[in-house]
Amino acid sequence: AEYIQQKNNAQLRREISRLQKELNAGKKRCGELSALFKRLYEDNVLGRVTNEQFRMLSTDYNAEQKALEEAIPRMEARLEELRASVANVEAFIEKAKQYTAIEELTPDLLRLFIRRIEIGERGKKYSRSSGQSVCIFYRDIGAVDSGMLPGEAKPALPASQLHQAASNTGQPQDIPA
């Protein structure tokens, strides 16, 4: 639980910080463009800028400002998603702290923490020693990387311990709560 919290919080903080800087820069540039357009208009009226230069520059400034006005709400929405994700991780950690000593993995406990498990195809069909990918999607936080280093041997699990929550078609489905 602590590993998940540290890893996700560090990634989310970096992403939130980067996005906040982008958002601030975009808002600042949008204000600058308004001021530039006013100055450009005044320069055109006073004859410092030709009509052709005015049209060219005003077209460029308007296009840039329109792009920023479209991007800013998207960045704000993404920022809210990331902040909600931080809250989801914290809620997951609080749930996990209640179950520090799990002696038996029951279906109820599985449903509490896991949304779905996806098991990939084997590299070689009908081979017991062929590798197979397993991706666990947790409730509240989604998929979490295993934390294993590249090239590190994955622990072998007997087939009886692996279970795919899927329909008869083999498509992944959420585990009901």
N, C-alpha and C. Protein backbone atom coordinates (compact mmCIF):
# COMPACT_ATOMS: atom_id res chain seq x y z
N ALA A 1 0.83 -1.19 0.00
CA ALA A 1 0.00 0.00 0.00
C ALA A 1 0.87 1.26 0.00
N GLU A 2 1.90 1.25 0.82
CA GLU A 2 2.79 2.41 0.88
C GLU A 2 3.52 2.60 -0.45
N TYR A 3 3.92 1.49 -1.08
CA TYR A 3 4.59 1.55 -2.38
C TYR A 3 3.69 2.23 -3.41
N ILE A 4 2.43 1.82 -3.44
CA ILE A 4 1.47 2.40 -4.39
C ILE A 4 1.29 3.88 -4.12
N GLN A 5 1.17 4.23 -2.84
CA GLN A 5 0.97 5.63 -2.48
C GLN A 5 2.17 6.48 -2.88
N GLN A 6 3.37 6.02 -2.57
CA GLN A 6 4.57 6.79 -2.91
C GLN A 6 4.73 6.94 -4.41
N LYS A 7 4.57 5.83 -5.12
CA LYS A 7 4.76 5.85 -6.57
C LYS A 7 3.73 6.74 -7.25
N ASN A 8 2.45 6.54 -6.93
CA ASN A 8 1.41 7.33 -7.56
C ASN A 8 1.46 8.79 -7.16
N ASN A 9 1.72 9.06 -5.88
CA ASN A 9 1.79 10.45 -5.46
C ASN A 9 2.93 11.18 -6.14
N ALA A 10 4.08 10.55 -6.29
CA ALA A 10 5.20 11.20 -6.96
C ALA A 10 4.87 11.47 -8.42
N GLN A 11 4.31 10.49 -9.11
CA GLN A 11 3.94 10.68 -10.51
C GLN A 11 2.87 11.75 -10.65
N LEU A 12 1.86 11.68 -9.81
CA LEU A 12 0.76 12.64 -9.90
C LEU A 12 1.21 14.05 -9.56
N ARG A 13 2.06 14.18 -8.55
CA ARG A 13 2.56 15.52 -8.21
C ARG A 13 3.35 16.13 -9.35
N ARG A 14 4.20 15.31 -10.01
CA ARG A 14 4.96 15.82 -11.15
C ARG A 14 4.03 16.25 -12.28
N GLU A 15 3.05 15.41 -12.57
CA GLU A 15 2.10 15.71 -13.65
C GLU A 15 1.26 16.94 -13.31
N ILE A 16 0.79 17.05 -12.07
CA ILE A 16 0.00 18.21 -11.65
C ILE A 16 0.84 19.47 -11.74
N SER A 17 2.08 19.40 -11.28
CA SER A 17 2.97 20.56 -11.31
C SER A 17 3.23 21.00 -12.75
N ARG A 18 3.51 20.03 -13.63
CA ARG A 18 3.79 20.35 -15.03
C ARG A 18 2.57 20.98 -15.69
N LEU A 19 1.41 20.40 -15.44
CA LEU A 19 0.17 20.90 -16.04
C LEU A 19 -0.19 22.27 -15.49
N GLN A 20 0.04 22.49 -14.20
CA GLN A 20 -0.25 23.80 -13.60
C GLN A 20 0.64 24.88 -14.22
N LYS A 21 1.91 24.55 -14.45
CA LYS A 21 2.82 25.51 -15.09
C LYS A 21 2.36 25.83 -16.51
N GLU A 22 1.97 24.78 -17.25
CA GLU A 22 1.47 24.98 -18.62
C GLU A 22 0.23 25.85 -18.61
N LEU A 23 -0.67 25.59 -17.67
CA LEU A 23 -1.92 26.33 -17.58
C LEU A 23 -1.65 27.80 -17.26
N ASN A 24 -0.76 28.06 -16.30
CA ASN A 24 -0.41 29.44 -15.95
C ASN A 24 0.23 30.16 -17.12
N ALA A 25 1.13 29.47 -17.83
CA ALA A 25 1.78 30.07 -19.00
C ALA A 25 0.75 30.38 -20.09
N GLY A 26 -0.20 29.48 -20.30
CA GLY A 26 -1.24 29.69 -21.31
C GLY A 26 -2.12 30.88 -20.97
N LYS A 27 -2.52 30.99 -19.70
CA LYS A 27 -3.35 32.12 -19.28
C LYS A 27 -2.59 33.44 -19.40
N LYS A 28 -1.31 33.40 -19.03
CA LYS A 28 -0.49 34.61 -19.13
C LYS A 28 -0.35 35.03 -20.59
N ARG A 29 -0.09 34.06 -21.47
CA ARG A 29 0.07 34.36 -22.89
C ARG A 29 -1.24 34.88 -23.49
N CYS A 30 -2.36 34.37 -23.05
CA CYS A 30 -3.66 34.83 -23.53
C CYS A 30 -3.85 36.32 -23.19
N GLY A 31 -3.48 36.70 -21.98
CA GLY A 31 -3.54 38.11 -21.58
C GLY A 31 -2.58 38.97 -22.39
N GLU A 32 -1.37 38.44 -22.63
CA GLU A 32 -0.39 39.17 -23.43
C GLU A 32 -0.90 39.39 -24.85
N LEU A 33 -1.55 38.39 -25.41
CA LEU A 33 -2.07 38.51 -26.77
C LEU A 33 -3.14 39.59 -26.86
N SER A 34 -3.98 39.71 -25.84
CA SER A 34 -4.99 40.77 -25.83
C SER A 34 -4.32 42.14 -25.83
N ALA A 35 -3.29 42.30 -24.99
CA ALA A 35 -2.57 43.57 -24.94
C ALA A 35 -1.85 43.84 -26.25
N LEU A 36 -1.23 42.81 -26.84
CA LEU A 36 -0.55 42.98 -28.12
C LEU A 36 -1.52 43.40 -29.22
N PHE A 37 -2.69 42.81 -29.22
CA PHE A 37 -3.68 43.13 -30.24
C PHE A 37 -4.13 44.59 -30.10
N LYS A 38 -4.31 45.06 -28.86
CA LYS A 38 -4.69 46.46 -28.63
C LYS A 38 -3.60 47.39 -29.15
N ARG A 39 -2.34 47.08 -28.81
CA ARG A 39 -1.22 47.90 -29.27
C ARG A 39 -1.12 47.89 -30.79
N LEU A 40 -1.32 46.72 -31.37
CA LEU A 40 -1.24 46.58 -32.82
C LEU A 40 -2.33 47.43 -33.48
N TYR A 41 -3.52 47.41 -32.91
CA TYR A 41 -4.62 48.20 -33.46
C TYR A 41 -4.28 49.70 -33.39
N GLU A 42 -3.77 50.12 -32.23
CA GLU A 42 -3.39 51.53 -32.07
C GLU A 42 -2.29 51.92 -33.05
N ASP A 43 -1.30 51.03 -33.22
CA ASP A 43 -0.21 51.31 -34.17
C ASP A 43 -0.74 51.41 -35.59
N ASN A 44 -1.74 50.61 -35.93
CA ASN A 44 -2.32 50.66 -37.27
C ASN A 44 -3.07 51.97 -37.47
N VAL A 45 -3.82 52.39 -36.46
CA VAL A 45 -4.58 53.65 -36.55
C VAL A 45 -3.63 54.83 -36.66
N LEU A 46 -2.52 54.79 -35.93
CA LEU A 46 -1.55 55.89 -35.96
C LEU A 46 -0.62 55.82 -37.17
N GLY A 47 -0.72 54.77 -37.97
CA GLY A 47 0.08 54.67 -39.19
C GLY A 47 1.46 54.06 -38.98
N ARG A 48 1.76 53.54 -37.83
CA ARG A 48 3.07 52.91 -37.59
C ARG A 48 3.16 51.53 -38.23
N VAL A 49 2.02 50.89 -38.45
CA VAL A 49 1.96 49.55 -39.05
C VAL A 49 1.04 49.64 -40.27
N THR A 50 1.48 49.03 -41.38
CA THR A 50 0.65 49.05 -42.59
C THR A 50 -0.56 48.15 -42.41
N ASN A 51 -1.56 48.36 -43.25
CA ASN A 51 -2.77 47.53 -43.20
C ASN A 51 -2.44 46.06 -43.45
N GLU A 52 -1.51 45.79 -44.36
CA GLU A 52 -1.13 44.40 -44.66
C GLU A 52 -0.47 43.75 -43.45
N GLN A 53 0.44 44.49 -42.80
CA GLN A 53 1.09 43.96 -41.60
C GLN A 53 0.06 43.74 -40.49
N PHE A 54 -0.87 44.68 -40.37
CA PHE A 54 -1.92 44.55 -39.35
C PHE A 54 -2.74 43.29 -39.58
N ARG A 55 -3.17 43.06 -40.83
CA ARG A 55 -3.97 41.86 -41.13
C ARG A 55 -3.18 40.58 -40.83
N MET A 56 -1.92 40.56 -41.24
CA MET A 56 -1.10 39.36 -41.03
C MET A 56 -0.91 39.08 -39.53
N LEU A 57 -0.49 40.11 -38.79
CA LEU A 57 -0.24 39.93 -37.36
C LEU A 57 -1.53 39.65 -36.58
N SER A 58 -2.60 40.36 -36.92
CA SER A 58 -3.85 40.13 -36.19
C SER A 58 -4.39 38.73 -36.45
N THR A 59 -4.21 38.21 -37.67
CA THR A 59 -4.63 36.84 -37.97
C THR A 59 -3.84 35.85 -37.13
N ASP A 60 -2.52 36.06 -37.06
CA ASP A 60 -1.68 35.16 -36.26
C ASP A 60 -2.04 35.22 -34.78
N TYR A 61 -2.21 36.44 -34.25
CA TYR A 61 -2.55 36.60 -32.84
C TYR A 61 -3.92 35.98 -32.53
N ASN A 62 -4.89 36.20 -33.41
CA ASN A 62 -6.22 35.64 -33.20
C ASN A 62 -6.19 34.11 -33.22
N ALA A 63 -5.42 33.53 -34.14
CA ALA A 63 -5.33 32.07 -34.22
C ALA A 63 -4.68 31.51 -32.95
N GLU A 64 -3.61 32.16 -32.49
CA GLU A 64 -2.94 31.70 -31.27
C GLU A 64 -3.86 31.84 -30.06
N GLN A 65 -4.59 32.95 -29.99
CA GLN A 65 -5.48 33.16 -28.85
C GLN A 65 -6.63 32.15 -28.87
N LYS A 66 -7.15 31.85 -30.05
CA LYS A 66 -8.23 30.87 -30.16
C LYS A 66 -7.74 29.49 -29.72
N ALA A 67 -6.53 29.11 -30.14
CA ALA A 67 -5.97 27.82 -29.74
C ALA A 67 -5.80 27.76 -28.22
N LEU A 68 -5.33 28.85 -27.63
CA LEU A 68 -5.17 28.88 -26.17
C LEU A 68 -6.51 28.80 -25.46
N GLU A 69 -7.51 29.50 -25.99
CA GLU A 69 -8.83 29.48 -25.35
C GLU A 69 -9.47 28.09 -25.42
N GLU A 70 -9.09 27.30 -26.42
CA GLU A 70 -9.57 25.92 -26.50
C GLU A 70 -8.76 25.00 -25.59
N ALA A 71 -7.45 25.26 -25.47
CA ALA A 71 -6.57 24.39 -24.69
C ALA A 71 -6.72 24.60 -23.18
N ILE A 72 -6.97 25.81 -22.75
CA ILE A 72 -7.04 26.11 -21.32
C ILE A 72 -8.14 25.30 -20.61
N PRO A 73 -9.37 25.23 -21.13
CA PRO A 73 -10.37 24.39 -20.44
C PRO A 73 -10.00 22.91 -20.41
N ARG A 74 -9.34 22.43 -21.47
CA ARG A 74 -8.90 21.02 -21.47
C ARG A 74 -7.86 20.80 -20.38
N MET A 75 -6.92 21.74 -20.25
CA MET A 75 -5.89 21.60 -19.21
C MET A 75 -6.52 21.66 -17.82
N GLU A 76 -7.49 22.56 -17.63
CA GLU A 76 -8.16 22.67 -16.33
C GLU A 76 -8.91 21.38 -15.99
N ALA A 77 -9.57 20.79 -16.98
CA ALA A 77 -10.30 19.54 -16.76
C ALA A 77 -9.33 18.41 -16.41
N ARG A 78 -8.20 18.35 -17.11
CA ARG A 78 -7.20 17.31 -16.83
C ARG A 78 -6.63 17.49 -15.42
N LEU A 79 -6.41 18.73 -15.03
CA LEU A 79 -5.90 19.03 -13.69
C LEU A 79 -6.88 18.54 -12.62
N GLU A 80 -8.17 18.75 -12.84
CA GLU A 80 -9.18 18.27 -11.90
C GLU A 80 -9.19 16.74 -11.84
N GLU A 81 -9.02 16.09 -13.01
CA GLU A 81 -8.96 14.62 -13.04
C GLU A 81 -7.79 14.12 -12.20
N LEU A 82 -6.64 14.77 -12.34
CA LEU A 82 -5.46 14.35 -11.60
C LEU A 82 -5.65 14.55 -10.10
N ARG A 83 -6.26 15.66 -9.74
CA ARG A 83 -6.51 15.91 -8.31
C ARG A 83 -7.49 14.88 -7.74
N ALA A 84 -8.48 14.50 -8.54
CA ALA A 84 -9.43 13.46 -8.11
C ALA A 84 -8.72 12.12 -7.98
N SER A 85 -7.76 11.88 -8.86
CA SER A 85 -6.99 10.64 -8.81
C SER A 85 -6.19 10.54 -7.51
N VAL A 86 -5.64 11.65 -7.07
CA VAL A 86 -4.91 11.68 -5.79
C VAL A 86 -5.86 11.28 -4.67
N ALA A 87 -7.07 11.80 -4.69
CA ALA A 87 -8.06 11.45 -3.66
C ALA A 87 -8.42 9.97 -3.74
N ASN A 88 -8.51 9.43 -4.96
CA ASN A 88 -8.82 8.00 -5.12
C ASN A 88 -7.72 7.13 -4.53
N VAL A 89 -6.47 7.51 -4.76
CA VAL A 89 -5.34 6.74 -4.21
C VAL A 89 -5.41 6.76 -2.69
N GLU A 90 -5.70 7.92 -2.13
CA GLU A 90 -5.78 8.02 -0.68
C GLU A 90 -6.93 7.16 -0.13
N ALA A 91 -8.06 7.12 -0.83
CA ALA A 91 -9.19 6.29 -0.40
C ALA A 91 -8.81 4.81 -0.46
N PHE A 92 -8.08 4.42 -1.51
CA PHE A 92 -7.64 3.03 -1.65
C PHE A 92 -6.69 2.66 -0.51
N ILE A 93 -5.77 3.54 -0.19
CA ILE A 93 -4.81 3.29 0.88
C ILE A 93 -5.54 3.14 2.22
N GLU A 94 -6.53 3.98 2.46
CA GLU A 94 -7.29 3.87 3.71
C GLU A 94 -8.01 2.53 3.80
N LYS A 95 -8.57 2.06 2.67
CA LYS A 95 -9.21 0.73 2.67
C LYS A 95 -8.17 -0.35 2.95
N ALA A 96 -7.00 -0.22 2.32
CA ALA A 96 -5.96 -1.25 2.45
C ALA A 96 -5.44 -1.32 3.89
N LYS A 97 -5.39 -0.19 4.58
CA LYS A 97 -4.89 -0.18 5.96
C LYS A 97 -5.78 -0.98 6.90
N GLN A 98 -7.04 -1.16 6.53
CA GLN A 98 -7.96 -1.94 7.36
C GLN A 98 -7.66 -3.44 7.28
N TYR A 99 -6.96 -3.86 6.25
CA TYR A 99 -6.70 -5.28 6.02
C TYR A 99 -5.19 -5.53 5.99
N THR A 100 -4.54 -5.40 7.13
CA THR A 100 -3.09 -5.58 7.17
C THR A 100 -2.68 -7.04 7.25
N ALA A 101 -3.50 -7.88 7.84
CA ALA A 101 -3.16 -9.30 7.97
C ALA A 101 -4.25 -10.14 7.31
N ILE A 102 -4.09 -10.39 6.03
CA ILE A 102 -5.07 -11.19 5.29
C ILE A 102 -4.61 -12.64 5.31
N GLU A 103 -5.40 -13.49 5.93
CA GLU A 103 -5.06 -14.91 6.00
C GLU A 103 -5.66 -15.70 4.86
N GLU A 104 -6.81 -15.24 4.36
CA GLU A 104 -7.48 -15.96 3.28
C GLU A 104 -8.07 -14.94 2.32
N LEU A 105 -7.83 -15.15 1.03
CA LEU A 105 -8.37 -14.26 0.01
C LEU A 105 -9.79 -14.72 -0.33
N THR A 106 -10.76 -13.98 0.18
CA THR A 106 -12.16 -14.34 -0.05
C THR A 106 -12.70 -13.57 -1.25
N PRO A 107 -13.78 -14.04 -1.85
CA PRO A 107 -14.38 -13.31 -2.97
C PRO A 107 -14.77 -11.88 -2.59
N ASP A 108 -15.27 -11.67 -1.37
CA ASP A 108 -15.64 -10.33 -0.93
C ASP A 108 -14.42 -9.41 -0.85
N LEU A 109 -13.34 -9.92 -0.34
CA LEU A 109 -12.12 -9.15 -0.24
C LEU A 109 -11.57 -8.83 -1.64
N LEU A 110 -11.63 -9.79 -2.51
CA LEU A 110 -11.20 -9.60 -3.89
C LEU A 110 -12.02 -8.49 -4.55
N ARG A 111 -13.33 -8.53 -4.37
CA ARG A 111 -14.21 -7.52 -4.97
C ARG A 111 -13.98 -6.13 -4.37
N LEU A 112 -13.56 -6.08 -3.12
CA LEU A 112 -13.32 -4.80 -2.46
C LEU A 112 -12.15 -4.05 -3.10
N PHE A 113 -11.11 -4.78 -3.50
CA PHE A 113 -9.90 -4.13 -4.00
C PHE A 113 -9.70 -4.21 -5.51
N ILE A 114 -10.24 -5.23 -6.16
CA ILE A 114 -9.90 -5.46 -7.57
C ILE A 114 -11.12 -5.31 -8.46
N ARG A 115 -10.96 -4.51 -9.53
CA ARG A 115 -12.03 -4.32 -10.49
C ARG A 115 -12.01 -5.45 -11.51
N ARG A 116 -10.81 -5.74 -12.07
CA ARG A 116 -10.70 -6.84 -13.02
C ARG A 116 -9.26 -7.30 -13.13
N ILE A 117 -9.10 -8.52 -13.63
CA ILE A 117 -7.78 -9.10 -13.87
C ILE A 117 -7.75 -9.53 -15.33
N GLU A 118 -6.76 -9.05 -16.07
CA GLU A 118 -6.61 -9.44 -17.47
C GLU A 118 -5.40 -10.35 -17.59
N ILE A 119 -5.62 -11.51 -18.19
CA ILE A 119 -4.53 -12.46 -18.39
C ILE A 119 -4.29 -12.58 -19.88
N GLY A 120 -3.07 -12.29 -20.31
CA GLY A 120 -2.72 -12.33 -21.73
C GLY A 120 -2.51 -13.75 -22.22
N GLU A 121 -2.39 -13.86 -23.53
CA GLU A 121 -2.16 -15.18 -24.13
C GLU A 121 -0.72 -15.61 -23.87
N ARG A 122 -0.53 -16.91 -23.86
CA ARG A 122 0.82 -17.46 -23.68
C ARG A 122 1.61 -17.24 -24.96
N GLY A 123 2.92 -17.15 -24.82
CA GLY A 123 3.79 -17.02 -25.98
C GLY A 123 3.70 -18.25 -26.87
N LYS A 124 3.65 -19.42 -26.27
CA LYS A 124 3.51 -20.69 -27.00
C LYS A 124 2.27 -21.38 -26.47
N LYS A 125 1.38 -21.72 -27.35
CA LYS A 125 0.14 -22.40 -26.93
C LYS A 125 0.47 -23.75 -26.31
N TYR A 126 -0.29 -24.11 -25.31
CA TYR A 126 -0.21 -25.41 -24.62
C TYR A 126 1.13 -25.64 -23.92
N SER A 127 1.90 -24.59 -23.69
CA SER A 127 3.18 -24.73 -23.00
C SER A 127 2.99 -24.31 -21.54
N ARG A 128 3.43 -25.15 -20.63
CA ARG A 128 3.30 -24.81 -19.21
C ARG A 128 4.38 -23.84 -18.76
N SER A 129 5.49 -23.77 -19.48
CA SER A 129 6.59 -22.92 -19.05
C SER A 129 6.64 -21.59 -19.80
N SER A 130 5.75 -21.38 -20.75
CA SER A 130 5.74 -20.14 -21.53
C SER A 130 5.23 -18.99 -20.66
N GLY A 131 5.79 -17.80 -20.86
CA GLY A 131 5.39 -16.63 -20.09
C GLY A 131 4.00 -16.14 -20.47
N GLN A 132 3.40 -15.40 -19.56
CA GLN A 132 2.04 -14.92 -19.76
C GLN A 132 1.88 -13.63 -18.97
N SER A 133 1.31 -12.60 -19.58
CA SER A 133 1.15 -11.34 -18.87
C SER A 133 -0.13 -11.35 -18.03
N VAL A 134 -0.03 -10.75 -16.86
CA VAL A 134 -1.18 -10.61 -15.96
C VAL A 134 -1.24 -9.15 -15.54
N CYS A 135 -2.38 -8.51 -15.77
CA CYS A 135 -2.55 -7.11 -15.40
C CYS A 135 -3.74 -7.00 -14.46
N ILE A 136 -3.50 -6.44 -13.28
CA ILE A 136 -4.55 -6.31 -12.27
C ILE A 136 -5.01 -4.85 -12.24
N PHE A 137 -6.31 -4.63 -12.38
CA PHE A 137 -6.90 -3.30 -12.32
C PHE A 137 -7.59 -3.17 -10.97
N TYR A 138 -7.05 -2.31 -10.11
CA TYR A 138 -7.58 -2.11 -8.77
C TYR A 138 -8.72 -1.09 -8.81
N ARG A 139 -9.64 -1.22 -7.87
CA ARG A 139 -10.70 -0.21 -7.73
C ARG A 139 -10.04 1.09 -7.25
N ASP A 140 -10.57 2.18 -7.63
CA ASP A 140 -10.13 3.52 -7.26
C ASP A 140 -8.85 3.98 -7.94
N ILE A 141 -7.90 3.07 -8.26
CA ILE A 141 -6.62 3.55 -8.77
C ILE A 141 -6.24 2.98 -10.13
N GLY A 142 -6.93 1.99 -10.62
CA GLY A 142 -6.61 1.42 -11.93
C GLY A 142 -5.44 0.46 -11.86
N ALA A 143 -4.78 0.27 -13.00
CA ALA A 143 -3.65 -0.66 -13.08
C ALA A 143 -2.43 -0.03 -12.44
N VAL A 144 -1.66 -0.83 -11.74
CA VAL A 144 -0.43 -0.36 -11.10
C VAL A 144 0.69 -1.25 -11.57
N ASP A 145 1.79 -0.64 -11.97
CA ASP A 145 2.93 -1.43 -12.43
C ASP A 145 3.47 -2.24 -11.28
N SER A 146 3.99 -3.42 -11.58
CA SER A 146 4.38 -4.38 -10.54
C SER A 146 5.59 -3.94 -9.73
N GLY A 147 6.35 -2.99 -10.23
CA GLY A 147 7.53 -2.55 -9.52
C GLY A 147 8.72 -3.44 -9.74
N MET A 148 8.58 -4.43 -10.62
CA MET A 148 9.70 -5.34 -10.90
C MET A 148 10.64 -4.66 -11.89
N LEU A 149 11.90 -4.91 -11.74
CA LEU A 149 12.89 -4.35 -12.64
C LEU A 149 12.93 -5.13 -13.94
N PRO A 150 13.29 -4.47 -15.07
CA PRO A 150 13.39 -5.20 -16.33
C PRO A 150 14.39 -6.35 -16.21
N GLY A 151 14.02 -7.50 -16.70
CA GLY A 151 14.89 -8.67 -16.64
C GLY A 151 14.75 -9.47 -15.36
N GLU A 152 14.07 -8.93 -14.37
CA GLU A 152 13.88 -9.63 -13.10
C GLU A 152 12.89 -10.77 -13.32
N ALA A 153 13.18 -11.92 -12.75
CA ALA A 153 12.31 -13.09 -12.92
C ALA A 153 11.01 -12.87 -12.17
N LYS A 154 9.91 -13.15 -12.84
CA LYS A 154 8.60 -13.02 -12.21
C LYS A 154 8.31 -14.29 -11.43
N PRO A 155 7.66 -14.17 -10.27
CA PRO A 155 7.34 -15.37 -9.50
C PRO A 155 6.34 -16.23 -10.27
N ALA A 156 6.58 -17.53 -10.24
CA ALA A 156 5.69 -18.45 -10.95
C ALA A 156 4.50 -18.78 -10.06
N LEU A 157 3.31 -18.60 -10.59
CA LEU A 157 2.10 -18.94 -9.86
C LEU A 157 1.48 -20.18 -10.48
N PRO A 158 1.03 -21.10 -9.68
CA PRO A 158 0.33 -22.24 -10.24
C PRO A 158 -0.95 -21.78 -10.94
N ALA A 159 -1.32 -22.47 -12.00
CA ALA A 159 -2.50 -22.10 -12.78
C ALA A 159 -3.76 -22.07 -11.92
N SER A 160 -3.78 -22.87 -10.85
CA SER A 160 -4.97 -22.91 -9.99
C SER A 160 -5.19 -21.59 -9.25
N GLN A 161 -4.13 -20.78 -9.10
CA GLN A 161 -4.26 -19.51 -8.39
C GLN A 161 -4.66 -18.36 -9.31
N LEU A 162 -4.51 -18.55 -10.62
CA LEU A 162 -4.85 -17.49 -11.55
C LEU A 162 -6.31 -17.64 -11.97
N HIS A 163 -7.03 -16.54 -11.99
CA HIS A 163 -8.43 -16.58 -12.39
C HIS A 163 -8.72 -15.35 -13.22
N GLN A 164 -9.39 -15.52 -14.34
CA GLN A 164 -9.74 -14.37 -15.16
C GLN A 164 -11.23 -14.11 -15.00
N ALA A 165 -11.57 -12.90 -14.59
CA ALA A 165 -12.97 -12.52 -14.45
C ALA A 165 -13.46 -12.13 -15.84
N ALA A 166 -13.96 -13.11 -16.59
CA ALA A 166 -14.37 -12.84 -17.96
C ALA A 166 -15.63 -13.62 -18.29
N SER A 167 -16.27 -13.18 -19.32
CA SER A 167 -17.46 -13.89 -19.78
C SER A 167 -17.03 -15.08 -20.62
N ASN A 168 -17.98 -15.80 -21.17
CA ASN A 168 -17.66 -16.96 -21.99
C ASN A 168 -16.90 -16.58 -23.25
N THR A 169 -16.98 -15.30 -23.66
CA THR A 169 -16.28 -14.85 -24.86
C THR A 169 -14.81 -14.60 -24.59
N GLY A 170 -14.40 -14.57 -23.33
CA GLY A 170 -13.00 -14.33 -22.99
C GLY A 170 -12.67 -12.85 -22.90
N GLN A 171 -13.66 -11.97 -23.02
CA GLN A 171 -13.43 -10.54 -22.93
C GLN A 171 -13.38 -10.12 -21.46
N PRO A 172 -12.47 -9.18 -21.10
CA PRO A 172 -12.39 -8.75 -19.71
C PRO A 172 -13.68 -8.06 -19.27
N GLN A 173 -14.08 -8.34 -18.04
CA GLN A 173 -15.25 -7.69 -17.45
C GLN A 173 -14.89 -7.25 -16.05
N ASP A 174 -15.59 -6.23 -15.58
CA ASP A 174 -15.38 -5.80 -14.22
C ASP A 174 -15.94 -6.84 -13.26
N ILE A 175 -15.26 -6.99 -12.12
CA ILE A 175 -15.75 -7.89 -11.07
C ILE A 175 -16.83 -7.11 -10.33
N PRO A 176 -18.04 -7.65 -10.18
CA PRO A 176 -19.10 -6.90 -9.51
C PRO A 176 -18.74 -6.62 -8.05
N ALA A 177 -19.15 -5.46 -7.58
CA ALA A 177 -18.84 -5.06 -6.20
C ALA A 177 -19.70 -5.78 -5.21
